[in-house]
Amino acid sequence: MFSRPRALRIAAAGGALLLASSLAGCINVSSLLGGAERDSETGEVQEGGTESVFDVQVGDCFLEPDTSGDEIFDIEVVPCAEPHDYEMYYEYTLDLGEEWPGDAAISDDALQRCDAEFEAFVGVPFQNSATLWFSYYSPGEESWAAGDDVIQCVIYEASDENGQQVVQVEGSLEGAAR
């Protein structure tokens, strides 16, 4: 389970809005700040770069983030055709009220929703998949207080029975049916 700080989202979004009005073309603002270069029509990553965890989009593929702390700030996004560790396959807003619901309630909700969407994305239920696993990014108590209520479901391949040994893949796992 990954945790996300809210403060970075506010700072990243404010900076992007400030610069966006003066820029045009096929490169989005974050690519000028070291982020991924995206196709202007599809939003698909064309050239990798570092993105705020809040700027990662459904369909983005990325490398193993630095998990040395409790929070993840940035993710190295790459085109899905290149070797990568994870792919975001679903994102949704939690509907658990305004007060901090606690880690257990968030985890229960995320596990249920990410599991349900796994089959829609992969083509087989999670329980029938031999090598594909899912995890998710979730808000911590501090970021929840600042308005962060988004869950980002990510899929990956693992070489062990417990889903701990991540294996890099090339291409999207959408429709992999395995």
N, C-alpha and C. Protein backbone atom coordinates (compact mmCIF):
# COMPACT_ATOMS: atom_id res chain seq x y z
N MET A 1 0.84 -1.16 0.00
CA MET A 1 0.00 0.00 0.00
C MET A 1 0.89 1.23 0.00
N PHE A 2 0.58 2.18 -0.83
CA PHE A 2 1.37 3.39 -0.95
C PHE A 2 0.60 4.55 -0.33
N SER A 3 1.29 5.52 0.19
CA SER A 3 0.65 6.68 0.78
C SER A 3 1.09 7.92 0.01
N ARG A 4 0.19 8.91 -0.08
CA ARG A 4 0.49 10.10 -0.87
C ARG A 4 0.37 11.36 -0.03
N PRO A 5 1.31 12.27 -0.14
CA PRO A 5 1.19 13.55 0.53
C PRO A 5 0.36 14.51 -0.30
N ARG A 6 -0.48 15.29 0.31
CA ARG A 6 -1.35 16.22 -0.39
C ARG A 6 -0.61 17.50 -0.80
N ALA A 7 0.29 17.97 -0.01
CA ALA A 7 0.92 19.27 -0.26
C ALA A 7 1.56 19.34 -1.64
N LEU A 8 2.16 18.26 -2.11
CA LEU A 8 2.81 18.28 -3.41
C LEU A 8 1.80 18.49 -4.53
N ARG A 9 0.61 17.94 -4.39
CA ARG A 9 -0.41 18.10 -5.42
C ARG A 9 -0.79 19.56 -5.58
N ILE A 10 -0.97 20.22 -4.50
CA ILE A 10 -1.35 21.63 -4.56
C ILE A 10 -0.24 22.44 -5.23
N ALA A 11 0.99 22.19 -4.83
CA ALA A 11 2.11 22.93 -5.42
C ALA A 11 2.26 22.61 -6.89
N ALA A 12 2.16 21.34 -7.27
CA ALA A 12 2.32 20.95 -8.67
C ALA A 12 1.19 21.49 -9.52
N ALA A 13 -0.03 21.42 -9.04
CA ALA A 13 -1.16 21.90 -9.82
C ALA A 13 -1.09 23.41 -10.00
N GLY A 14 -0.74 24.14 -8.95
CA GLY A 14 -0.65 25.59 -9.05
C GLY A 14 0.41 26.02 -10.05
N GLY A 15 1.56 25.39 -10.03
CA GLY A 15 2.62 25.71 -10.97
C GLY A 15 2.22 25.39 -12.40
N ALA A 16 1.54 24.29 -12.59
CA ALA A 16 1.12 23.90 -13.94
C ALA A 16 0.10 24.89 -14.48
N LEU A 17 -0.83 25.33 -13.65
CA LEU A 17 -1.84 26.27 -14.11
C LEU A 17 -1.21 27.61 -14.47
N LEU A 18 -0.23 28.02 -13.71
CA LEU A 18 0.44 29.28 -13.97
C LEU A 18 1.15 29.27 -15.32
N LEU A 19 1.84 28.17 -15.64
CA LEU A 19 2.58 28.08 -16.89
C LEU A 19 1.72 27.69 -18.08
N ALA A 20 0.62 27.00 -17.85
CA ALA A 20 -0.18 26.44 -18.95
C ALA A 20 -0.73 27.52 -19.88
N SER A 21 -1.05 28.65 -19.36
CA SER A 21 -1.66 29.67 -20.21
C SER A 21 -0.71 30.21 -21.26
N SER A 22 0.59 30.07 -21.07
CA SER A 22 1.53 30.62 -22.03
C SER A 22 2.16 29.57 -22.93
N LEU A 23 1.74 28.31 -22.83
CA LEU A 23 2.35 27.25 -23.61
C LEU A 23 1.33 26.54 -24.49
N ALA A 24 1.80 26.05 -25.63
CA ALA A 24 0.94 25.26 -26.52
C ALA A 24 1.79 24.20 -27.18
N GLY A 25 1.15 23.26 -27.91
CA GLY A 25 1.89 22.23 -28.63
C GLY A 25 1.64 20.86 -28.06
N CYS A 26 2.44 19.88 -28.50
CA CYS A 26 2.20 18.50 -28.10
C CYS A 26 2.87 18.12 -26.80
N ILE A 27 3.66 18.98 -26.23
CA ILE A 27 4.32 18.66 -24.97
C ILE A 27 3.55 19.33 -23.85
N ASN A 28 3.17 18.57 -22.84
CA ASN A 28 2.44 19.19 -21.74
C ASN A 28 3.42 19.92 -20.81
N VAL A 29 2.86 20.70 -19.90
CA VAL A 29 3.67 21.53 -19.03
C VAL A 29 4.63 20.71 -18.19
N SER A 30 4.19 19.56 -17.67
CA SER A 30 5.07 18.81 -16.78
C SER A 30 6.33 18.33 -17.48
N SER A 31 6.28 18.16 -18.81
CA SER A 31 7.48 17.72 -19.51
C SER A 31 8.55 18.81 -19.48
N LEU A 32 8.16 20.07 -19.40
CA LEU A 32 9.12 21.16 -19.30
C LEU A 32 9.73 21.23 -17.91
N LEU A 33 9.05 20.64 -16.96
CA LEU A 33 9.52 20.62 -15.59
C LEU A 33 10.16 19.29 -15.24
N GLY A 34 10.50 18.47 -16.26
CA GLY A 34 11.12 17.18 -16.02
C GLY A 34 10.14 16.03 -16.09
N GLY A 35 8.87 16.32 -16.34
CA GLY A 35 7.85 15.28 -16.39
C GLY A 35 7.83 14.57 -17.73
N ALA A 36 6.92 13.63 -17.85
CA ALA A 36 6.77 12.86 -19.07
C ALA A 36 6.22 13.72 -20.20
N GLU A 37 6.63 13.38 -21.42
CA GLU A 37 6.10 14.05 -22.60
C GLU A 37 4.92 13.20 -23.09
N ARG A 38 3.77 13.83 -23.27
CA ARG A 38 2.55 13.13 -23.66
C ARG A 38 2.06 13.57 -25.03
N ASP A 39 1.41 12.65 -25.72
CA ASP A 39 0.75 12.98 -26.98
C ASP A 39 -0.37 13.96 -26.65
N SER A 40 -0.46 15.05 -27.41
CA SER A 40 -1.44 16.09 -27.10
C SER A 40 -2.88 15.63 -27.30
N GLU A 41 -3.11 14.64 -28.14
CA GLU A 41 -4.48 14.18 -28.38
C GLU A 41 -4.88 13.03 -27.46
N THR A 42 -4.01 12.05 -27.28
CA THR A 42 -4.36 10.86 -26.50
C THR A 42 -3.92 10.93 -25.05
N GLY A 43 -2.95 11.78 -24.73
CA GLY A 43 -2.41 11.85 -23.39
C GLY A 43 -1.43 10.73 -23.08
N GLU A 44 -1.19 9.85 -24.05
CA GLU A 44 -0.29 8.72 -23.86
C GLU A 44 1.15 9.21 -23.72
N VAL A 45 1.89 8.60 -22.82
CA VAL A 45 3.28 8.97 -22.58
C VAL A 45 4.11 8.60 -23.81
N GLN A 46 4.80 9.58 -24.37
CA GLN A 46 5.67 9.39 -25.52
C GLN A 46 7.14 9.30 -25.12
N GLU A 47 7.49 10.04 -24.07
CA GLU A 47 8.85 10.03 -23.55
C GLU A 47 8.75 10.11 -22.03
N GLY A 48 9.49 9.25 -21.35
CA GLY A 48 9.40 9.16 -19.91
C GLY A 48 9.90 10.39 -19.18
N GLY A 49 9.54 10.48 -17.92
CA GLY A 49 9.98 11.57 -17.06
C GLY A 49 9.40 11.40 -15.67
N THR A 50 9.82 12.23 -14.77
CA THR A 50 9.35 12.17 -13.40
C THR A 50 8.06 12.96 -13.26
N GLU A 51 7.05 12.32 -12.68
CA GLU A 51 5.74 12.94 -12.47
C GLU A 51 5.40 12.91 -10.99
N SER A 52 4.66 13.88 -10.54
CA SER A 52 4.07 13.83 -9.21
C SER A 52 3.13 12.64 -9.19
N VAL A 53 3.02 11.96 -8.07
CA VAL A 53 2.09 10.84 -7.95
C VAL A 53 0.67 11.29 -8.30
N PHE A 54 0.36 12.56 -8.12
CA PHE A 54 -0.96 13.09 -8.41
C PHE A 54 -1.20 13.30 -9.91
N ASP A 55 -0.13 13.35 -10.69
CA ASP A 55 -0.25 13.59 -12.13
C ASP A 55 -0.26 12.30 -12.95
N VAL A 56 -0.01 11.17 -12.30
CA VAL A 56 -0.03 9.89 -13.00
C VAL A 56 -1.48 9.61 -13.39
N GLN A 57 -1.67 9.14 -14.62
CA GLN A 57 -3.01 8.93 -15.17
C GLN A 57 -3.28 7.46 -15.43
N VAL A 58 -4.55 7.11 -15.48
CA VAL A 58 -4.93 5.76 -15.86
C VAL A 58 -4.31 5.46 -17.22
N GLY A 59 -3.66 4.31 -17.33
CA GLY A 59 -2.97 3.93 -18.56
C GLY A 59 -1.48 4.21 -18.52
N ASP A 60 -1.02 4.97 -17.54
CA ASP A 60 0.41 5.26 -17.42
C ASP A 60 1.15 4.05 -16.86
N CYS A 61 2.35 3.83 -17.39
CA CYS A 61 3.25 2.78 -16.90
C CYS A 61 4.41 3.47 -16.20
N PHE A 62 4.93 2.83 -15.15
CA PHE A 62 6.00 3.48 -14.40
C PHE A 62 6.89 2.47 -13.71
N LEU A 63 8.03 2.97 -13.28
CA LEU A 63 9.04 2.16 -12.62
C LEU A 63 8.77 2.12 -11.12
N GLU A 64 9.41 1.17 -10.45
CA GLU A 64 9.28 1.03 -8.99
C GLU A 64 9.63 2.36 -8.34
N PRO A 65 8.69 2.94 -7.58
CA PRO A 65 9.00 4.21 -6.92
C PRO A 65 9.88 3.99 -5.70
N ASP A 66 10.50 5.06 -5.24
CA ASP A 66 11.30 5.02 -4.02
C ASP A 66 10.34 4.85 -2.85
N THR A 67 10.43 3.72 -2.20
CA THR A 67 9.54 3.44 -1.06
C THR A 67 10.32 3.40 0.25
N SER A 68 11.40 4.16 0.31
CA SER A 68 12.22 4.17 1.53
C SER A 68 11.50 4.86 2.69
N GLY A 69 10.55 5.72 2.40
CA GLY A 69 9.76 6.37 3.44
C GLY A 69 8.33 5.88 3.39
N ASP A 70 7.48 6.50 4.17
CA ASP A 70 6.07 6.11 4.19
C ASP A 70 5.28 6.76 3.07
N GLU A 71 5.83 7.79 2.46
CA GLU A 71 5.10 8.52 1.44
C GLU A 71 5.85 8.47 0.11
N ILE A 72 5.08 8.50 -0.96
CA ILE A 72 5.66 8.56 -2.30
C ILE A 72 5.28 9.91 -2.89
N PHE A 73 6.27 10.62 -3.39
CA PHE A 73 6.03 11.93 -3.96
C PHE A 73 6.05 11.89 -5.49
N ASP A 74 7.08 11.26 -6.05
CA ASP A 74 7.30 11.26 -7.48
C ASP A 74 7.41 9.85 -8.03
N ILE A 75 7.06 9.71 -9.30
CA ILE A 75 7.10 8.42 -9.99
C ILE A 75 7.76 8.62 -11.34
N GLU A 76 8.63 7.69 -11.73
CA GLU A 76 9.27 7.74 -13.04
C GLU A 76 8.34 7.05 -14.04
N VAL A 77 7.65 7.85 -14.85
CA VAL A 77 6.69 7.35 -15.85
C VAL A 77 7.45 7.07 -17.14
N VAL A 78 7.10 5.97 -17.81
CA VAL A 78 7.73 5.58 -19.07
C VAL A 78 6.66 5.16 -20.06
N PRO A 79 6.95 5.20 -21.37
CA PRO A 79 6.00 4.64 -22.33
C PRO A 79 5.78 3.16 -22.01
N CYS A 80 4.56 2.68 -22.15
CA CYS A 80 4.25 1.29 -21.80
C CYS A 80 5.01 0.29 -22.67
N ALA A 81 5.47 0.70 -23.85
CA ALA A 81 6.24 -0.20 -24.71
C ALA A 81 7.63 -0.48 -24.15
N GLU A 82 8.08 0.35 -23.21
CA GLU A 82 9.38 0.16 -22.57
C GLU A 82 9.22 -0.68 -21.32
N PRO A 83 10.31 -1.33 -20.85
CA PRO A 83 10.21 -2.10 -19.61
C PRO A 83 9.73 -1.21 -18.46
N HIS A 84 8.76 -1.74 -17.71
CA HIS A 84 8.21 -1.01 -16.56
C HIS A 84 7.74 -2.00 -15.51
N ASP A 85 7.51 -1.49 -14.31
CA ASP A 85 7.10 -2.32 -13.18
C ASP A 85 5.60 -2.30 -12.94
N TYR A 86 4.96 -1.15 -13.12
CA TYR A 86 3.56 -0.98 -12.77
C TYR A 86 2.81 -0.24 -13.88
N GLU A 87 1.49 -0.40 -13.85
CA GLU A 87 0.60 0.32 -14.76
C GLU A 87 -0.65 0.71 -13.97
N MET A 88 -1.04 1.98 -14.05
CA MET A 88 -2.26 2.39 -13.37
C MET A 88 -3.45 2.00 -14.24
N TYR A 89 -4.36 1.21 -13.68
CA TYR A 89 -5.49 0.74 -14.46
C TYR A 89 -6.84 1.29 -14.03
N TYR A 90 -6.90 1.93 -12.88
CA TYR A 90 -8.18 2.46 -12.40
C TYR A 90 -7.93 3.51 -11.34
N GLU A 91 -8.79 4.53 -11.33
CA GLU A 91 -8.70 5.59 -10.33
C GLU A 91 -10.12 5.97 -9.94
N TYR A 92 -10.34 6.20 -8.66
CA TYR A 92 -11.67 6.62 -8.22
C TYR A 92 -11.57 7.46 -6.95
N THR A 93 -12.66 8.16 -6.66
CA THR A 93 -12.75 8.98 -5.47
C THR A 93 -13.48 8.19 -4.38
N LEU A 94 -12.88 8.14 -3.22
CA LEU A 94 -13.50 7.47 -2.07
C LEU A 94 -14.77 8.20 -1.65
N ASP A 95 -15.76 7.45 -1.21
CA ASP A 95 -16.99 8.03 -0.71
C ASP A 95 -17.19 7.54 0.73
N LEU A 96 -16.30 8.01 1.62
CA LEU A 96 -16.31 7.53 3.00
C LEU A 96 -16.57 8.65 4.00
N GLY A 97 -17.18 9.74 3.55
CA GLY A 97 -17.48 10.85 4.44
C GLY A 97 -16.35 11.86 4.50
N GLU A 98 -16.56 12.88 5.31
CA GLU A 98 -15.57 13.96 5.41
C GLU A 98 -14.52 13.70 6.48
N GLU A 99 -14.87 13.01 7.54
CA GLU A 99 -13.92 12.71 8.62
C GLU A 99 -13.00 11.59 8.19
N TRP A 100 -11.76 11.60 8.72
CA TRP A 100 -10.78 10.56 8.42
C TRP A 100 -11.39 9.19 8.75
N PRO A 101 -11.56 8.31 7.76
CA PRO A 101 -12.20 7.02 8.01
C PRO A 101 -11.26 5.97 8.61
N GLY A 102 -9.97 6.23 8.57
CA GLY A 102 -8.98 5.29 9.09
C GLY A 102 -8.41 4.43 7.98
N ASP A 103 -7.21 3.95 8.21
CA ASP A 103 -6.52 3.13 7.21
C ASP A 103 -7.29 1.87 6.86
N ALA A 104 -7.90 1.22 7.86
CA ALA A 104 -8.60 -0.04 7.61
C ALA A 104 -9.79 0.17 6.66
N ALA A 105 -10.56 1.22 6.86
CA ALA A 105 -11.72 1.49 6.00
C ALA A 105 -11.27 1.82 4.58
N ILE A 106 -10.20 2.60 4.46
CA ILE A 106 -9.68 2.93 3.13
C ILE A 106 -9.16 1.67 2.45
N SER A 107 -8.43 0.86 3.18
CA SER A 107 -7.88 -0.37 2.62
C SER A 107 -8.99 -1.32 2.17
N ASP A 108 -10.00 -1.50 3.00
CA ASP A 108 -11.12 -2.37 2.62
C ASP A 108 -11.79 -1.90 1.34
N ASP A 109 -12.04 -0.59 1.25
CA ASP A 109 -12.69 -0.02 0.07
C ASP A 109 -11.80 -0.19 -1.16
N ALA A 110 -10.52 0.14 -1.02
CA ALA A 110 -9.60 0.05 -2.15
C ALA A 110 -9.43 -1.39 -2.63
N LEU A 111 -9.29 -2.32 -1.70
CA LEU A 111 -9.13 -3.72 -2.10
C LEU A 111 -10.35 -4.21 -2.87
N GLN A 112 -11.53 -3.85 -2.41
CA GLN A 112 -12.76 -4.28 -3.08
C GLN A 112 -12.87 -3.66 -4.47
N ARG A 113 -12.67 -2.36 -4.58
CA ARG A 113 -12.83 -1.69 -5.87
C ARG A 113 -11.73 -2.05 -6.86
N CYS A 114 -10.48 -2.11 -6.40
CA CYS A 114 -9.37 -2.46 -7.30
C CYS A 114 -9.52 -3.91 -7.78
N ASP A 115 -9.99 -4.80 -6.89
CA ASP A 115 -10.22 -6.19 -7.26
C ASP A 115 -11.32 -6.27 -8.33
N ALA A 116 -12.41 -5.55 -8.13
CA ALA A 116 -13.51 -5.58 -9.10
C ALA A 116 -13.08 -5.06 -10.46
N GLU A 117 -12.26 -4.03 -10.49
CA GLU A 117 -11.81 -3.46 -11.76
C GLU A 117 -10.69 -4.26 -12.40
N PHE A 118 -10.00 -5.08 -11.63
CA PHE A 118 -8.93 -5.94 -12.16
C PHE A 118 -9.47 -6.80 -13.30
N GLU A 119 -10.58 -7.48 -13.07
CA GLU A 119 -11.15 -8.35 -14.10
C GLU A 119 -11.54 -7.56 -15.35
N ALA A 120 -12.13 -6.39 -15.16
CA ALA A 120 -12.51 -5.57 -16.31
C ALA A 120 -11.29 -5.17 -17.13
N PHE A 121 -10.17 -4.93 -16.48
CA PHE A 121 -8.95 -4.50 -17.16
C PHE A 121 -8.20 -5.67 -17.78
N VAL A 122 -8.02 -6.75 -17.02
CA VAL A 122 -7.18 -7.87 -17.45
C VAL A 122 -7.95 -8.89 -18.28
N GLY A 123 -9.21 -9.11 -17.93
CA GLY A 123 -10.01 -10.10 -18.65
C GLY A 123 -10.23 -11.38 -17.88
N VAL A 124 -9.62 -11.52 -16.72
CA VAL A 124 -9.85 -12.66 -15.81
C VAL A 124 -9.91 -12.11 -14.39
N PRO A 125 -10.64 -12.78 -13.51
CA PRO A 125 -10.66 -12.33 -12.11
C PRO A 125 -9.28 -12.45 -11.49
N PHE A 126 -9.00 -11.60 -10.52
CA PHE A 126 -7.71 -11.62 -9.83
C PHE A 126 -7.40 -13.02 -9.30
N GLN A 127 -8.39 -13.68 -8.73
CA GLN A 127 -8.19 -15.00 -8.14
C GLN A 127 -7.76 -16.04 -9.17
N ASN A 128 -8.03 -15.81 -10.44
CA ASN A 128 -7.66 -16.75 -11.50
C ASN A 128 -6.35 -16.37 -12.20
N SER A 129 -5.76 -15.28 -11.80
CA SER A 129 -4.52 -14.84 -12.42
C SER A 129 -3.33 -15.48 -11.73
N ALA A 130 -2.49 -16.13 -12.51
CA ALA A 130 -1.33 -16.82 -11.93
C ALA A 130 -0.19 -15.88 -11.57
N THR A 131 -0.01 -14.80 -12.33
CA THR A 131 1.18 -13.96 -12.11
C THR A 131 0.87 -12.47 -11.94
N LEU A 132 -0.34 -12.03 -12.21
CA LEU A 132 -0.66 -10.60 -12.13
C LEU A 132 -1.25 -10.27 -10.76
N TRP A 133 -0.83 -9.13 -10.23
CA TRP A 133 -1.23 -8.67 -8.91
C TRP A 133 -1.67 -7.22 -9.00
N PHE A 134 -2.30 -6.72 -7.95
CA PHE A 134 -2.62 -5.30 -7.90
C PHE A 134 -2.27 -4.74 -6.53
N SER A 135 -2.07 -3.43 -6.53
CA SER A 135 -1.89 -2.66 -5.32
C SER A 135 -2.55 -1.32 -5.56
N TYR A 136 -2.35 -0.35 -4.70
CA TYR A 136 -2.99 0.94 -4.88
C TYR A 136 -2.26 2.03 -4.11
N TYR A 137 -2.43 3.25 -4.58
CA TYR A 137 -1.98 4.44 -3.86
C TYR A 137 -3.20 4.95 -3.10
N SER A 138 -2.99 5.34 -1.86
CA SER A 138 -4.10 5.84 -1.05
C SER A 138 -3.66 7.05 -0.25
N PRO A 139 -4.61 7.88 0.15
CA PRO A 139 -4.25 9.04 0.97
C PRO A 139 -3.93 8.64 2.40
N GLY A 140 -3.04 9.38 3.01
CA GLY A 140 -2.79 9.24 4.44
C GLY A 140 -3.68 10.21 5.19
N GLU A 141 -3.63 10.17 6.49
CA GLU A 141 -4.52 11.02 7.29
C GLU A 141 -4.28 12.51 7.03
N GLU A 142 -3.02 12.88 6.89
CA GLU A 142 -2.70 14.30 6.65
C GLU A 142 -3.20 14.76 5.29
N SER A 143 -3.00 13.96 4.26
CA SER A 143 -3.46 14.37 2.93
C SER A 143 -4.98 14.32 2.84
N TRP A 144 -5.61 13.40 3.59
CA TRP A 144 -7.07 13.35 3.62
C TRP A 144 -7.63 14.67 4.17
N ALA A 145 -7.00 15.17 5.23
CA ALA A 145 -7.44 16.42 5.84
C ALA A 145 -7.33 17.58 4.86
N ALA A 146 -6.42 17.47 3.89
CA ALA A 146 -6.24 18.52 2.89
C ALA A 146 -7.13 18.29 1.66
N GLY A 147 -7.96 17.24 1.68
CA GLY A 147 -8.90 17.02 0.59
C GLY A 147 -8.56 15.88 -0.35
N ASP A 148 -7.51 15.14 -0.09
CA ASP A 148 -7.12 14.02 -0.95
C ASP A 148 -7.98 12.81 -0.62
N ASP A 149 -8.78 12.38 -1.57
CA ASP A 149 -9.65 11.22 -1.35
C ASP A 149 -9.66 10.29 -2.56
N VAL A 150 -8.52 10.22 -3.25
CA VAL A 150 -8.42 9.44 -4.48
C VAL A 150 -7.63 8.15 -4.24
N ILE A 151 -8.12 7.08 -4.84
CA ILE A 151 -7.41 5.80 -4.86
C ILE A 151 -6.96 5.55 -6.29
N GLN A 152 -5.71 5.15 -6.47
CA GLN A 152 -5.15 4.81 -7.78
C GLN A 152 -4.75 3.34 -7.74
N CYS A 153 -5.43 2.51 -8.53
CA CYS A 153 -5.16 1.07 -8.58
C CYS A 153 -4.07 0.80 -9.61
N VAL A 154 -3.07 0.00 -9.23
CA VAL A 154 -1.97 -0.32 -10.13
C VAL A 154 -1.84 -1.83 -10.25
N ILE A 155 -1.43 -2.28 -11.42
CA ILE A 155 -1.26 -3.70 -11.72
C ILE A 155 0.20 -3.97 -12.00
N TYR A 156 0.63 -5.19 -11.69
CA TYR A 156 2.01 -5.57 -11.94
C TYR A 156 2.10 -7.09 -12.06
N GLU A 157 3.22 -7.56 -12.58
CA GLU A 157 3.49 -8.98 -12.67
C GLU A 157 4.52 -9.34 -11.61
N ALA A 158 4.35 -10.51 -10.99
CA ALA A 158 5.30 -10.97 -9.97
C ALA A 158 5.72 -12.40 -10.27
N SER A 159 6.93 -12.73 -9.84
CA SER A 159 7.48 -14.06 -10.11
C SER A 159 7.33 -15.01 -8.92
N ASP A 160 6.70 -14.57 -7.84
CA ASP A 160 6.54 -15.43 -6.67
C ASP A 160 5.07 -15.58 -6.32
N GLU A 161 4.77 -16.49 -5.43
CA GLU A 161 3.38 -16.79 -5.05
C GLU A 161 2.73 -15.72 -4.20
N ASN A 162 3.51 -14.81 -3.65
CA ASN A 162 2.98 -13.78 -2.76
C ASN A 162 2.93 -12.40 -3.39
N GLY A 163 3.32 -12.28 -4.65
CA GLY A 163 3.28 -10.99 -5.32
C GLY A 163 4.32 -10.01 -4.86
N GLN A 164 5.43 -10.49 -4.31
CA GLN A 164 6.46 -9.60 -3.77
C GLN A 164 7.60 -9.32 -4.74
N GLN A 165 7.87 -10.23 -5.67
CA GLN A 165 8.99 -10.08 -6.61
C GLN A 165 8.47 -9.53 -7.94
N VAL A 166 8.49 -8.22 -8.07
CA VAL A 166 7.97 -7.56 -9.26
C VAL A 166 8.86 -7.88 -10.46
N VAL A 167 8.22 -8.20 -11.57
CA VAL A 167 8.90 -8.52 -12.83
C VAL A 167 8.56 -7.42 -13.83
N GLN A 168 9.56 -6.86 -14.46
CA GLN A 168 9.28 -5.84 -15.47
C GLN A 168 8.61 -6.47 -16.68
N VAL A 169 7.69 -5.71 -17.28
CA VAL A 169 7.00 -6.15 -18.49
C VAL A 169 7.13 -5.05 -19.53
N GLU A 170 6.88 -5.40 -20.77
CA GLU A 170 6.80 -4.42 -21.86
C GLU A 170 5.41 -4.50 -22.44
N GLY A 171 4.79 -3.36 -22.67
CA GLY A 171 3.43 -3.31 -23.18
C GLY A 171 2.43 -3.25 -22.05
N SER A 172 1.21 -2.87 -22.38
CA SER A 172 0.14 -2.79 -21.40
C SER A 172 -0.33 -4.17 -21.00
N LEU A 173 -0.81 -4.29 -19.77
CA LEU A 173 -1.39 -5.54 -19.31
C LEU A 173 -2.91 -5.56 -19.54
N GLU A 174 -3.43 -4.52 -20.16
CA GLU A 174 -4.85 -4.49 -20.48
C GLU A 174 -5.19 -5.64 -21.41
N GLY A 175 -6.18 -6.44 -21.05
CA GLY A 175 -6.61 -7.58 -21.85
C GLY A 175 -5.65 -8.75 -21.84
N ALA A 176 -4.68 -8.77 -20.91
CA ALA A 176 -3.68 -9.84 -20.87
C ALA A 176 -4.30 -11.21 -20.61
N ALA A 177 -5.43 -11.26 -19.94
CA ALA A 177 -6.17 -12.50 -19.67
C ALA A 177 -5.29 -13.61 -19.11
N ARG A 178 -4.43 -13.26 -18.19
CA ARG A 178 -3.59 -14.29 -17.55
C ARG A 178 -3.47 -14.05 -16.06
